[in-house]
Amino acid sequence: MITSKPLGLLVWSLIISQCVAAQDMSAQVKGNMSVSLTNSSNTAAWHQYGWGIARFSDNNQRLNVSRLALSSRVDISSAWSAHVVAQYVPDPNDKIGLTEAYAQYQPLAQGYQFSARVGGFYPRMSLENPALGWSSPYTYHFSGLNAWLGEEVRTFGAEFELKRAARRFRSKHDLSAIGAVFKGNDPAGTLIAWRGFVPHDRQSVFNERIGIAPLKSLSTPQLSRQGQYVEPFTEVDGRFGYYLGAHWSYLKQHALRFYWYDNNGDPSAINYVTKQYAWDTKFWSLAWRTKFNAQSQLIAQAMVGNTAMGPTRGVDNDFYSWFVMLSHTFDDYRLSVRAEQSKVIDKDHWQFDENASFTKGVTVNVQKSLSEQWQLGAELQLIDYEADARLAVGRAKGQDEQVWRLNAQYQF
């Protein structure tokens, strides 16, 4: 049985349209809904406080609304606009929440273009997730790299961009410089250390609590103040974080995005009420897309960084993650194949808290467009996962998953 809760988002879109009409402003409301039939793992997933690495387990409905997103834009003036993205998340408990909400300032310009965003939004690191609601038009499950960004990384602050558009300078190159300051992303890094990278398509909504497996180390005196969950978008230490980025594209055939991210967390800070530490998390991200022709393209992204927590950095991990994806369209079909690998390297001396993990996977997706609104598709995902923390609770170090998914999508 498919839940009826997503209907609330449709009502929300109608309310926005009526309010905008009354204020004589222009508005756009777009959305998509995915109904999926998927096999389920016999192990409860991390967000159900389990050891599974697949998103859906036996506790979930195999046929469900796996995703419903509504994106609205209200043009307040020629320079100002407001953006809100709301999503329905069925697992582990049905909920409707916001994944983005911000105001954008972009005045008319003849030469260099200045713009700014203020609110809560995704950093624009990904070339894998350009579709509505930060989704992917290529695969249903995101790479482990971008799945983690969708879980634990969000900007709650201000971002500024200075762009040199090719068409305004009779050039073949588009160039942008980006900088942002933010708060409220202190626990980012928790899932890297205590789960690792896993590919899926679940996005965290604002003010959400995400479960983690019952790690043995969380019962030790050193980590007893940490809850068995992460609240990734909370403020703990009062510090500002920041990121810097650069975008480049050439004739709309090649694109590059390069970022440095630093949440500037104080690893000794803890909120005793929410049981959340501030993690000192920083990383480089490099994304690349090249179009061989109108039908075929390659997308790749790599990330390398470090995350640590505790007064003496008792949890201290280096990490990297990368993927390469080929996508080809023909007639009304799209075929995409992605290979990926991620690793967490345990650097600290807390032997009771093993954080090392290793993930590799292959995803194959085929989609057919029936019309401008309807799309059908199928996906097979093979995941090979290892984590040292599993040994401490008597589980095998490795776990393999074969995840298949049949999907029908309607967009409006």
Foldseek 3Di string as FASTA:
>chain_A
DEDPVVVVVVVVVVVVVVVLVVVVWDKDKKKKWKWKQKDAACWDDQLVQTQDQAPHHPQDDRTYGQKIKMWMWIDPDQFKIWIWMWMWHPPPHTDIFTQWTWMKGWHDDLFKTKMKIAAKAQDPQDPQQPDPPSHGPADQWAFLVVVLCLEFNMFHGMKMKIWGDCVSVVHQKIKMKMKTKGFQQFQRPVCCQQPNGGIGRDGDGQQDKGAGHPFPVCPDPQNVLADRIDNRRGGWDPDMWMKIKMWMDGNNFKIKIKMKTWRPWDQATADSVNSGGGKGWIKIKMKMKGHPDPFKIKIKMKMWIWIAHHNVSQWIKTKMKMKIKMWGDDDQKIKMKMKMKMWIGTDHDPPSRFRTKIKIKMKIKMKGDPDPFKIKIKMWMKMKMATPSLVVVPHDRIDIDIMMMIMMMGMD
